[in-house]
Each structure stands twice: as C-alpha cells, then as structure tokens.
Amino acid sequence: MMDVKIFLLTAVVTLLSVQIVSAEIEWVKTTPNATCPLYGRGLVAGYEGYDRSPLWVIRATYDEDLMPGKLALLHNAAYVPYAGREIEVHDIEVLCARPDEVRWLRGRNGKLPRKAFPAGITKNNETLYIGRIKYGRSLTPGKIQPSHEVLYISTEGRERTTSNYEVLCKH
C-alpha cells in the first residue's frame, strides 16, 4: 500500500512540473529514479551499445547552462556532456513527445535543419539543440552547440564530439 501512495504522489508531482512546448511535445521535471510515470511518453532517442537499453532525451542545468543529454533508463542515470567530461545530473527534465511529432534529420558542422528543436541555452544566451550519433555500438543523444560546429555526447565518463550528426526536428 505504501508503494502505491508513493507512486501516486510521484505522479501528481510530475504532473505539476510540466512545461508544454506544443500539444504533443513537453518537458517534464523528474529525477532518474522517478521516471515510471513517463514510460510510453519519454522520447527514446537511442540505446546503450552493451545492453541495447533505451536512452531518453533529457535536459538539465549544469554550470549555469541548460543543456540536452541522455537518461539511461535501465541504469537510472542521467548525464550531460560538459567540458570534456560526462557529468551525472539528478534534477532533470524528460522530453515527452509522440514519435509522429518529431523526426531526425541530418546536420553537419553546426548547420541545423529548418525545424530543429531548441532544447537549452548557455549562460551566454546561445541556443542548444538535440542531436544524436552512432558511437561504437550505441546510438547516443547529446547537445548541438552551433557556434562550436559540433555535437557533444557523453559516454564512458568523457565528452566526445563529432561534426556529422542527426538533429531532432519538429515534424
């Protein structure tokens, strides 16, 4: 009975912490350990290479930047790439979107498709976007910082970059 009360309380808190972007796309505040109410809603953007578990798109604030990153569902852990490192974050927002509301298009060298989805902002007021790349055996989401002309992902404790990537766009 106690578990049911905790779950319902978590669901109510989650519902009160929603930023609606459109009728079908929203950011929901949560923590990596409280994502159960979001199953079926969180945007799966990739998978872990070693166990094929899903990676959801998240965003979190670190060092005054609001930036996109990843949530490893099976491992209850969320990360953002920053300053050469993979930073674990605990207060996150999960991107919830129906698959037919978004699509992945090619991007390169900081160039973005017309309907690229803004997902964060740096302390210097630069908009950040969501990207993903196949890295090793994984498909990993991360942040695109147009002025740097790369996608940053976090993996194996480090930040990695690439100039060729996919960009999350509104359909």
Protein backbone atom coordinates (compact mmCIF):
# COMPACT_ATOMS: atom_id res chain seq x y z
CA MET A 1 0.00 0.00 0.00
CA MET A 2 2.87 2.38 0.81
CA ASP A 3 4.37 1.81 -2.68
CA VAL A 4 1.07 2.79 -4.32
CA LYS A 5 0.90 6.03 -2.28
CA ILE A 6 4.48 6.91 -3.20
CA PHE A 7 3.80 6.19 -6.88
CA LEU A 8 0.65 8.36 -6.84
CA LEU A 9 2.47 11.19 -5.07
CA THR A 10 5.27 10.98 -7.65
CA ALA A 11 2.70 11.06 -10.47
CA VAL A 12 0.99 14.15 -9.01
CA VAL A 13 4.31 15.97 -8.54
CA THR A 14 5.29 15.04 -12.09
CA LEU A 15 2.03 16.39 -13.49
CA LEU A 16 2.60 19.69 -11.69
CA SER A 17 6.10 20.06 -13.18
CA VAL A 18 5.35 20.12 -16.90
CA GLN A 19 6.49 22.69 -19.46
CA ILE A 20 4.34 22.32 -22.57
CA VAL A 21 6.12 23.14 -25.82
CA SER A 22 3.23 22.16 -28.08
CA ALA A 23 0.13 20.00 -27.77
CA GLU A 24 2.25 16.89 -28.26
CA ILE A 25 5.74 17.89 -27.03
CA GLU A 26 6.58 18.75 -23.42
CA TRP A 27 9.41 18.77 -20.88
CA VAL A 28 8.58 17.02 -17.60
CA LYS A 29 10.63 17.63 -14.44
CA THR A 30 11.70 14.47 -12.61
CA THR A 31 14.73 12.57 -11.36
CA PRO A 32 16.39 9.48 -12.88
CA ASN A 33 14.77 7.30 -10.19
CA ALA A 34 11.22 8.63 -10.70
CA THR A 35 10.57 8.07 -14.40
CA CYS A 36 7.92 5.30 -14.15
CA PRO A 37 5.01 7.71 -14.80
CA LEU A 38 6.71 8.74 -18.04
CA TYR A 39 7.06 5.26 -19.60
CA GLY A 40 5.47 5.35 -23.04
CA ARG A 41 5.86 9.16 -23.17
CA GLY A 42 9.62 9.79 -22.87
CA LEU A 43 11.31 10.22 -26.24
CA VAL A 44 13.59 7.28 -26.99
CA ALA A 45 16.50 8.74 -28.95
CA GLY A 46 18.94 5.87 -28.84
CA TYR A 47 20.28 2.85 -26.98
CA GLU A 48 23.24 1.67 -24.97
CA GLY A 49 25.72 -0.36 -27.00
CA TYR A 50 26.46 -3.05 -24.45
CA ASP A 51 22.90 -3.97 -23.44
CA ARG A 52 20.66 -2.20 -26.01
CA SER A 53 18.69 -0.46 -23.22
CA PRO A 54 16.88 2.72 -24.26
CA LEU A 55 18.27 6.24 -23.92
CA TRP A 56 15.78 9.07 -23.47
CA VAL A 57 16.37 12.75 -24.24
CA ILE A 58 16.71 14.89 -21.12
CA ARG A 59 17.93 18.34 -20.25
CA ALA A 60 19.48 19.62 -17.05
CA THR A 61 21.22 22.67 -15.71
CA TYR A 62 24.95 22.47 -15.05
CA ASP A 63 27.31 25.41 -14.53
CA GLU A 64 24.50 27.83 -15.50
CA ASP A 65 23.86 26.12 -18.87
CA LEU A 66 20.56 24.36 -19.56
CA MET A 67 21.67 21.55 -21.86
CA PRO A 68 20.38 18.38 -23.51
CA GLY A 69 21.71 14.98 -22.51
CA LYS A 70 20.65 11.39 -22.01
CA LEU A 71 18.81 9.25 -19.49
CA ALA A 72 19.88 5.60 -19.31
CA LEU A 73 16.57 4.11 -18.19
CA LEU A 74 17.78 0.69 -17.15
CA HIS A 75 20.52 2.22 -15.03
CA ASN A 76 18.51 5.13 -13.53
CA ALA A 77 21.28 7.54 -14.51
CA ALA A 78 21.24 10.82 -16.44
CA TYR A 79 24.22 12.58 -17.99
CA VAL A 80 25.14 15.73 -19.89
CA PRO A 81 28.36 16.38 -21.81
CA TYR A 82 30.36 19.29 -20.45
CA ALA A 83 33.99 20.49 -20.51
CA GLY A 84 35.42 17.18 -21.68
CA ARG A 85 33.52 15.09 -19.13
CA GLU A 86 30.35 13.07 -18.74
CA ILE A 87 28.51 14.82 -15.90
CA GLU A 88 25.90 12.90 -13.89
CA VAL A 89 22.80 15.00 -13.18
CA HIS A 90 19.88 14.36 -10.84
CA ASP A 91 17.34 17.15 -11.39
CA ILE A 92 16.28 16.60 -14.98
CA GLU A 93 13.53 17.28 -17.48
CA VAL A 94 12.48 14.42 -19.77
CA LEU A 95 11.38 15.24 -23.29
CA CYS A 96 7.98 13.67 -23.89
CA ALA A 97 6.80 13.53 -27.48
CA ARG A 98 4.82 11.25 -29.72
CA PRO A 99 7.09 9.70 -32.36
CA ASP A 100 4.94 11.16 -35.16
CA GLU A 101 5.55 14.71 -33.84
CA VAL A 102 9.33 14.62 -34.33
CA ARG A 103 11.88 13.33 -36.79
CA TRP A 104 15.65 13.05 -37.12
CA LEU A 105 17.34 14.92 -39.98
CA ARG A 106 20.99 15.22 -40.98
CA GLY A 107 23.12 18.05 -39.67
CA ARG A 108 26.78 18.94 -40.08
CA ASN A 109 29.32 21.49 -38.85
CA GLY A 110 26.83 23.41 -36.71
CA LYS A 111 24.27 23.65 -39.52
CA LEU A 112 20.72 22.81 -38.49
CA PRO A 113 17.60 21.84 -40.45
CA ARG A 114 14.85 24.46 -40.55
CA LYS A 115 12.65 22.85 -37.86
CA ALA A 116 15.42 21.92 -35.41
CA PHE A 117 14.04 21.66 -31.90
CA PRO A 118 15.62 24.11 -29.40
CA ALA A 119 16.32 22.36 -26.11
CA GLY A 120 18.59 24.52 -23.99
CA ILE A 121 20.57 27.69 -23.60
CA THR A 122 24.08 28.55 -22.46
CA LYS A 123 24.90 31.19 -19.88
CA ASN A 124 25.97 33.32 -22.90
CA ASN A 125 22.46 33.01 -24.40
CA GLU A 126 23.32 30.58 -27.21
CA THR A 127 20.52 28.15 -28.06
CA LEU A 128 21.39 24.45 -27.83
CA TYR A 129 19.74 21.67 -29.83
CA ILE A 130 19.32 17.91 -29.56
CA GLY A 131 21.42 15.66 -31.72
CA ARG A 132 22.49 12.03 -31.80
CA ILE A 133 25.22 9.90 -33.28
CA LYS A 134 26.14 6.27 -33.60
CA TYR A 135 29.19 5.83 -31.37
CA GLY A 136 30.65 2.35 -31.07
CA ARG A 137 27.65 0.07 -30.67
CA SER A 138 25.42 2.74 -29.13
CA LEU A 139 23.16 5.42 -30.55
CA THR A 140 23.65 8.35 -28.18
CA PRO A 141 21.78 11.66 -27.85
CA GLY A 142 23.56 14.85 -26.85
CA LYS A 143 23.79 18.60 -27.40
CA ILE A 144 24.49 20.57 -30.54
CA GLN A 145 26.19 23.90 -29.95
CA PRO A 146 26.06 25.66 -33.33
CA SER A 147 28.90 28.13 -32.62
CA HIS A 148 31.23 25.18 -31.90
CA GLU A 149 30.03 23.42 -35.08
CA VAL A 150 29.73 20.03 -33.33
CA LEU A 151 27.50 17.61 -31.48
CA TYR A 152 28.70 16.76 -27.98
CA ILE A 153 27.79 13.39 -26.44
CA SER A 154 28.76 11.90 -23.12
CA THR A 155 29.99 8.33 -22.90
CA GLU A 156 32.45 6.27 -20.87
CA GLY A 157 32.97 9.19 -18.48
CA ARG A 158 34.07 11.58 -21.22
CA GLU A 159 32.67 14.13 -23.61
CA ARG A 160 33.06 13.27 -27.30
CA THR A 161 32.47 15.45 -30.37
CA THR A 162 31.52 14.93 -33.98
CA SER A 163 30.76 17.28 -36.84
CA ASN A 164 28.30 14.86 -38.55
CA TYR A 165 25.09 14.03 -36.68
CA GLU A 166 21.33 13.76 -36.72
CA VAL A 167 19.21 16.64 -35.40
CA LEU A 168 15.86 16.32 -33.62
CA CYS A 169 13.26 18.35 -35.52
CA LYS A 170 9.57 19.06 -35.17
CA HIS A 171 7.62 17.19 -37.83
